[in-house]
N, C-alpha and C. Protein backbone atom coordinates (compact mmCIF):
# COMPACT_ATOMS: atom_id res chain seq x y z
N MET A 1 0.84 -1.19 0.00
CA MET A 1 0.00 0.00 0.00
C MET A 1 0.88 1.24 0.00
N ASN A 2 0.60 2.16 -0.88
CA ASN A 2 1.37 3.39 -0.98
C ASN A 2 0.69 4.47 -0.13
N VAL A 3 1.35 4.84 0.95
CA VAL A 3 0.79 5.84 1.86
C VAL A 3 1.27 7.22 1.43
N PRO A 4 0.36 8.16 1.20
CA PRO A 4 0.78 9.50 0.80
C PRO A 4 1.76 10.11 1.81
N GLU A 5 2.63 10.96 1.30
CA GLU A 5 3.66 11.61 2.13
C GLU A 5 3.06 12.35 3.32
N ALA A 6 1.96 13.07 3.11
CA ALA A 6 1.33 13.82 4.21
C ALA A 6 0.88 12.89 5.32
N ASP A 7 0.35 11.72 4.96
CA ASP A 7 -0.08 10.76 5.98
C ASP A 7 1.11 10.24 6.78
N ARG A 8 2.22 9.94 6.09
CA ARG A 8 3.42 9.47 6.79
C ARG A 8 3.96 10.55 7.72
N GLU A 9 3.96 11.80 7.25
CA GLU A 9 4.43 12.91 8.08
C GLU A 9 3.53 13.10 9.30
N PHE A 10 2.22 12.97 9.08
CA PHE A 10 1.28 13.13 10.18
C PHE A 10 1.47 12.03 11.22
N GLU A 11 1.62 10.79 10.77
CA GLU A 11 1.84 9.68 11.70
C GLU A 11 3.16 9.85 12.46
N ALA A 12 4.20 10.34 11.79
CA ALA A 12 5.48 10.61 12.46
C ALA A 12 5.31 11.69 13.52
N LEU A 13 4.50 12.69 13.21
CA LEU A 13 4.21 13.77 14.16
C LEU A 13 3.49 13.23 15.39
N LEU A 14 2.47 12.40 15.20
CA LEU A 14 1.75 11.80 16.33
C LEU A 14 2.68 10.91 17.17
N ASP A 15 3.53 10.15 16.49
CA ASP A 15 4.48 9.29 17.18
C ASP A 15 5.45 10.12 18.03
N TYR A 16 5.92 11.22 17.48
CA TYR A 16 6.82 12.12 18.22
C TYR A 16 6.14 12.67 19.47
N LEU A 17 4.91 13.16 19.30
CA LEU A 17 4.18 13.72 20.44
C LEU A 17 3.96 12.67 21.52
N LYS A 18 3.66 11.45 21.11
CA LYS A 18 3.40 10.38 22.07
C LYS A 18 4.66 9.97 22.82
N HIS A 19 5.74 9.73 22.10
CA HIS A 19 6.93 9.17 22.72
C HIS A 19 7.90 10.21 23.28
N SER A 20 7.93 11.41 22.71
CA SER A 20 8.87 12.42 23.19
C SER A 20 8.24 13.45 24.11
N ARG A 21 6.94 13.67 23.95
CA ARG A 21 6.25 14.69 24.74
C ARG A 21 5.22 14.12 25.70
N GLY A 22 4.98 12.81 25.64
CA GLY A 22 4.02 12.18 26.53
C GLY A 22 2.58 12.56 26.23
N CYS A 23 2.32 12.97 25.01
CA CYS A 23 0.99 13.41 24.61
C CYS A 23 0.43 12.42 23.60
N ASP A 24 -0.33 11.44 24.07
CA ASP A 24 -0.87 10.38 23.22
C ASP A 24 -2.22 10.81 22.67
N LEU A 25 -2.26 11.13 21.39
CA LEU A 25 -3.49 11.59 20.75
C LEU A 25 -4.13 10.51 19.89
N THR A 26 -3.64 9.28 20.02
CA THR A 26 -4.12 8.21 19.15
C THR A 26 -5.58 7.83 19.42
N GLY A 27 -6.16 8.28 20.50
CA GLY A 27 -7.55 7.99 20.79
C GLY A 27 -8.53 8.85 20.02
N TYR A 28 -8.02 9.88 19.35
CA TYR A 28 -8.87 10.79 18.60
C TYR A 28 -8.98 10.34 17.14
N LYS A 29 -10.07 10.70 16.49
CA LYS A 29 -10.24 10.41 15.07
C LYS A 29 -9.17 11.16 14.29
N ARG A 30 -8.57 10.47 13.31
CA ARG A 30 -7.50 11.08 12.51
C ARG A 30 -7.99 12.34 11.78
N SER A 31 -9.17 12.27 11.21
CA SER A 31 -9.67 13.43 10.45
C SER A 31 -9.84 14.65 11.35
N THR A 32 -10.30 14.43 12.58
CA THR A 32 -10.45 15.54 13.53
C THR A 32 -9.09 16.10 13.89
N LEU A 33 -8.15 15.23 14.19
CA LEU A 33 -6.79 15.68 14.53
C LEU A 33 -6.17 16.46 13.38
N MET A 34 -6.30 15.93 12.18
CA MET A 34 -5.70 16.60 11.02
C MET A 34 -6.25 18.01 10.84
N ARG A 35 -7.57 18.15 10.97
CA ARG A 35 -8.19 19.47 10.85
C ARG A 35 -7.64 20.44 11.89
N ARG A 36 -7.53 19.96 13.11
CA ARG A 36 -7.07 20.82 14.19
C ARG A 36 -5.59 21.15 14.06
N PHE A 37 -4.80 20.19 13.61
CA PHE A 37 -3.38 20.47 13.39
C PHE A 37 -3.21 21.50 12.28
N VAL A 38 -3.97 21.33 11.19
CA VAL A 38 -3.88 22.28 10.09
C VAL A 38 -4.26 23.68 10.55
N ARG A 39 -5.29 23.78 11.37
CA ARG A 39 -5.70 25.08 11.88
C ARG A 39 -4.56 25.72 12.68
N ARG A 40 -3.92 24.94 13.54
CA ARG A 40 -2.80 25.47 14.34
C ARG A 40 -1.61 25.83 13.44
N MET A 41 -1.35 24.99 12.44
CA MET A 41 -0.24 25.26 11.52
C MET A 41 -0.49 26.55 10.74
N GLN A 42 -1.73 26.79 10.35
CA GLN A 42 -2.07 28.03 9.63
C GLN A 42 -1.83 29.24 10.51
N GLU A 43 -2.14 29.10 11.80
CA GLU A 43 -1.94 30.22 12.74
C GLU A 43 -0.48 30.64 12.81
N ILE A 44 0.43 29.66 12.70
CA ILE A 44 1.86 29.99 12.81
C ILE A 44 2.56 29.91 11.45
N LYS A 45 1.77 29.83 10.38
CA LYS A 45 2.25 29.89 9.01
C LYS A 45 3.23 28.77 8.66
N ILE A 46 2.81 27.55 8.92
CA ILE A 46 3.57 26.36 8.57
C ILE A 46 2.74 25.57 7.58
N ASP A 47 3.38 25.08 6.51
CA ASP A 47 2.64 24.50 5.39
C ASP A 47 2.61 22.98 5.29
N SER A 48 3.30 22.27 6.18
CA SER A 48 3.27 20.81 6.09
C SER A 48 3.47 20.19 7.47
N TYR A 49 3.00 18.93 7.59
CA TYR A 49 3.20 18.22 8.86
C TYR A 49 4.68 18.02 9.15
N GLY A 50 5.46 17.78 8.11
CA GLY A 50 6.90 17.60 8.29
C GLY A 50 7.56 18.85 8.86
N ASN A 51 7.17 20.01 8.33
CA ASN A 51 7.72 21.28 8.85
C ASN A 51 7.23 21.54 10.27
N TYR A 52 5.99 21.16 10.55
CA TYR A 52 5.46 21.34 11.90
C TYR A 52 6.20 20.43 12.89
N PHE A 53 6.51 19.21 12.45
CA PHE A 53 7.30 18.28 13.26
C PHE A 53 8.62 18.93 13.67
N HIS A 54 9.33 19.53 12.70
CA HIS A 54 10.61 20.19 12.99
C HIS A 54 10.40 21.40 13.89
N TYR A 55 9.31 22.11 13.68
CA TYR A 55 9.00 23.27 14.53
C TYR A 55 8.79 22.84 15.98
N LEU A 56 8.03 21.76 16.17
CA LEU A 56 7.80 21.25 17.53
C LEU A 56 9.10 20.84 18.22
N GLN A 57 10.02 20.27 17.46
CA GLN A 57 11.30 19.84 18.03
C GLN A 57 12.12 21.02 18.52
N SER A 58 12.04 22.15 17.83
CA SER A 58 12.85 23.30 18.23
C SER A 58 12.10 24.33 19.07
N HIS A 59 10.80 24.14 19.24
CA HIS A 59 9.98 25.05 20.05
C HIS A 59 9.14 24.23 21.03
N PRO A 60 9.72 23.81 22.16
CA PRO A 60 9.00 22.92 23.10
C PRO A 60 7.69 23.51 23.62
N GLU A 61 7.59 24.82 23.66
CA GLU A 61 6.36 25.44 24.16
C GLU A 61 5.18 25.25 23.21
N GLU A 62 5.45 24.90 21.97
CA GLU A 62 4.40 24.72 20.98
C GLU A 62 3.49 23.54 21.31
N CYS A 63 4.02 22.53 21.97
CA CYS A 63 3.19 21.38 22.35
C CYS A 63 2.03 21.84 23.23
N SER A 64 2.32 22.69 24.20
CA SER A 64 1.26 23.22 25.06
C SER A 64 0.29 24.08 24.27
N ALA A 65 0.82 24.89 23.36
CA ALA A 65 -0.04 25.75 22.55
C ALA A 65 -0.96 24.90 21.67
N LEU A 66 -0.43 23.82 21.12
CA LEU A 66 -1.23 22.91 20.30
C LEU A 66 -2.37 22.31 21.11
N ILE A 67 -2.05 21.80 22.26
CA ILE A 67 -3.06 21.16 23.11
C ILE A 67 -4.13 22.16 23.52
N GLU A 68 -3.72 23.36 23.85
CA GLU A 68 -4.69 24.36 24.34
C GLU A 68 -5.53 24.96 23.23
N SER A 69 -4.97 25.17 21.98
CA SER A 69 -5.73 25.86 20.93
C SER A 69 -6.42 24.88 19.98
N CYS A 70 -5.98 23.78 19.59
CA CYS A 70 -6.77 23.06 18.61
C CYS A 70 -7.43 21.87 19.19
N LEU A 71 -6.94 21.33 20.35
CA LEU A 71 -7.42 20.04 20.83
C LEU A 71 -8.36 20.12 22.02
N GLN A 72 -8.52 21.27 22.63
CA GLN A 72 -9.37 21.36 23.81
C GLN A 72 -10.77 21.85 23.43
N ARG A 73 -11.75 21.04 23.72
CA ARG A 73 -13.14 21.45 23.53
C ARG A 73 -13.75 21.85 24.86
N VAL A 74 -13.27 21.24 25.89
CA VAL A 74 -13.74 21.51 27.24
C VAL A 74 -12.53 21.81 28.09
N LYS A 75 -12.61 22.82 28.91
CA LYS A 75 -11.49 23.19 29.76
C LYS A 75 -11.76 22.68 31.16
N PHE A 76 -10.84 21.87 31.66
CA PHE A 76 -10.90 21.38 33.03
C PHE A 76 -9.85 22.12 33.84
N TYR A 77 -10.21 22.52 35.03
CA TYR A 77 -9.26 23.15 35.92
C TYR A 77 -9.01 22.21 37.09
N ALA A 78 -7.73 21.87 37.27
CA ALA A 78 -7.39 20.94 38.33
C ALA A 78 -5.95 21.17 38.76
N THR A 79 -5.69 20.78 39.98
CA THR A 79 -4.32 20.82 40.46
C THR A 79 -4.00 19.45 41.01
N ASP A 80 -2.77 19.04 40.82
CA ASP A 80 -2.34 17.74 41.31
C ASP A 80 -0.82 17.74 41.25
N VAL A 81 -0.19 17.10 42.19
CA VAL A 81 1.26 17.01 42.16
C VAL A 81 1.72 15.95 41.18
N ASP A 82 0.80 15.12 40.72
CA ASP A 82 1.13 14.05 39.79
C ASP A 82 0.88 14.53 38.37
N GLU A 83 1.95 14.88 37.66
CA GLU A 83 1.85 15.39 36.29
C GLU A 83 1.21 14.36 35.36
N ALA A 84 1.47 13.07 35.59
CA ALA A 84 0.89 12.01 34.75
C ALA A 84 -0.64 12.00 34.88
N ALA A 85 -1.14 12.21 36.10
CA ALA A 85 -2.59 12.24 36.31
C ALA A 85 -3.21 13.44 35.59
N LEU A 86 -2.53 14.58 35.62
CA LEU A 86 -3.03 15.75 34.92
C LEU A 86 -3.03 15.54 33.41
N LEU A 87 -1.99 14.90 32.89
CA LEU A 87 -1.92 14.63 31.46
C LEU A 87 -3.07 13.72 31.03
N GLN A 88 -3.36 12.69 31.82
CA GLN A 88 -4.47 11.79 31.49
C GLN A 88 -5.79 12.56 31.49
N ALA A 89 -5.97 13.43 32.45
CA ALA A 89 -7.22 14.21 32.51
C ALA A 89 -7.33 15.14 31.30
N ARG A 90 -6.21 15.74 30.87
CA ARG A 90 -6.23 16.63 29.71
C ARG A 90 -6.62 15.88 28.44
N GLN A 91 -6.18 14.64 28.32
CA GLN A 91 -6.48 13.85 27.13
C GLN A 91 -7.94 13.43 27.09
N GLY A 92 -8.59 13.31 28.23
CA GLY A 92 -10.01 12.96 28.27
C GLY A 92 -10.29 11.54 27.83
N ILE A 93 -9.39 10.61 28.13
CA ILE A 93 -9.58 9.20 27.78
C ILE A 93 -9.77 8.41 29.07
N TYR A 94 -10.87 7.65 29.14
CA TYR A 94 -11.22 6.93 30.36
C TYR A 94 -11.45 5.46 30.06
N GLN A 95 -11.10 4.62 31.00
CA GLN A 95 -11.31 3.18 30.87
C GLN A 95 -12.75 2.83 31.25
N LEU A 96 -13.20 1.66 30.82
CA LEU A 96 -14.58 1.23 31.08
C LEU A 96 -14.94 1.34 32.55
N ARG A 97 -14.04 0.93 33.43
CA ARG A 97 -14.34 0.97 34.87
C ARG A 97 -14.56 2.41 35.37
N GLU A 98 -14.07 3.38 34.64
CA GLU A 98 -14.21 4.77 35.05
C GLU A 98 -15.50 5.42 34.54
N VAL A 99 -16.18 4.77 33.61
CA VAL A 99 -17.41 5.35 33.05
C VAL A 99 -18.64 4.49 33.30
N THR A 100 -18.51 3.46 34.12
CA THR A 100 -19.62 2.53 34.32
C THR A 100 -20.85 3.18 34.94
N GLU A 101 -20.68 4.24 35.69
CA GLU A 101 -21.83 4.88 36.34
C GLU A 101 -22.49 5.97 35.49
N ILE A 102 -21.93 6.21 34.31
CA ILE A 102 -22.53 7.20 33.40
C ILE A 102 -23.66 6.52 32.65
N PRO A 103 -24.87 7.12 32.66
CA PRO A 103 -26.00 6.52 31.93
C PRO A 103 -25.64 6.32 30.45
N LEU A 104 -26.10 5.23 29.89
CA LEU A 104 -25.75 4.85 28.53
C LEU A 104 -26.02 5.96 27.51
N HIS A 105 -27.16 6.64 27.62
CA HIS A 105 -27.48 7.69 26.65
C HIS A 105 -26.48 8.84 26.72
N LEU A 106 -25.96 9.14 27.90
CA LEU A 106 -24.96 10.19 28.04
C LEU A 106 -23.59 9.70 27.57
N LEU A 107 -23.29 8.45 27.85
CA LEU A 107 -22.03 7.86 27.40
C LEU A 107 -21.96 7.89 25.87
N GLU A 108 -23.04 7.52 25.22
CA GLU A 108 -23.08 7.52 23.76
C GLU A 108 -23.05 8.93 23.18
N LYS A 109 -23.61 9.88 23.90
CA LYS A 109 -23.67 11.26 23.41
C LYS A 109 -22.34 11.99 23.58
N TYR A 110 -21.65 11.79 24.69
CA TYR A 110 -20.47 12.58 25.01
C TYR A 110 -19.14 11.85 24.92
N PHE A 111 -19.15 10.56 24.62
CA PHE A 111 -17.91 9.79 24.55
C PHE A 111 -17.87 8.98 23.27
N GLU A 112 -16.66 8.75 22.78
CA GLU A 112 -16.44 7.85 21.66
C GLU A 112 -15.60 6.69 22.15
N GLN A 113 -16.03 5.48 21.88
CA GLN A 113 -15.27 4.31 22.30
C GLN A 113 -14.16 4.05 21.29
N THR A 114 -12.92 3.96 21.79
CA THR A 114 -11.75 3.68 20.95
C THR A 114 -11.00 2.50 21.55
N GLU A 115 -9.91 2.12 20.90
CA GLU A 115 -9.08 1.03 21.43
C GLU A 115 -8.47 1.43 22.78
N GLN A 116 -8.19 2.72 22.97
CA GLN A 116 -7.58 3.19 24.21
C GLN A 116 -8.56 3.36 25.36
N GLY A 117 -9.83 3.44 25.05
CA GLY A 117 -10.85 3.66 26.07
C GLY A 117 -11.94 4.56 25.55
N TYR A 118 -12.61 5.27 26.43
CA TYR A 118 -13.68 6.19 26.06
C TYR A 118 -13.12 7.60 26.03
N VAL A 119 -13.26 8.27 24.88
CA VAL A 119 -12.74 9.62 24.67
C VAL A 119 -13.86 10.61 24.86
N PHE A 120 -13.66 11.59 25.72
CA PHE A 120 -14.65 12.65 25.96
C PHE A 120 -14.69 13.56 24.75
N LEU A 121 -15.90 13.81 24.18
CA LEU A 121 -16.04 14.55 22.94
C LEU A 121 -16.35 16.02 23.12
N THR A 122 -17.22 16.39 24.04
CA THR A 122 -17.58 17.80 24.13
C THR A 122 -17.53 18.29 25.54
């Protein structure tokens, strides 16, 4: 299968964010992520995922800007000494045991089931 260059660049970008920045976005729909990344790239005048990848490597603060401007639909305010717990909360991905008390109609309306768990949508 011949994967277009943009798709390979995008996957490399997601892999970098996951393994180097601890920001696992694989629970989100690719089309949604791509739209939001493009919007952020337009804001800073970058024309490709490959160039954005290099920009992220040399501008560590951009990861936070990306998460706050294109990926957040709901803002949660929390404090915790455990940075890993805060990162999980920011991603909005929950395991089945964490959503069992949510009524089914609300679970279906506000969450998407993925391989990683239930992703909060709005």
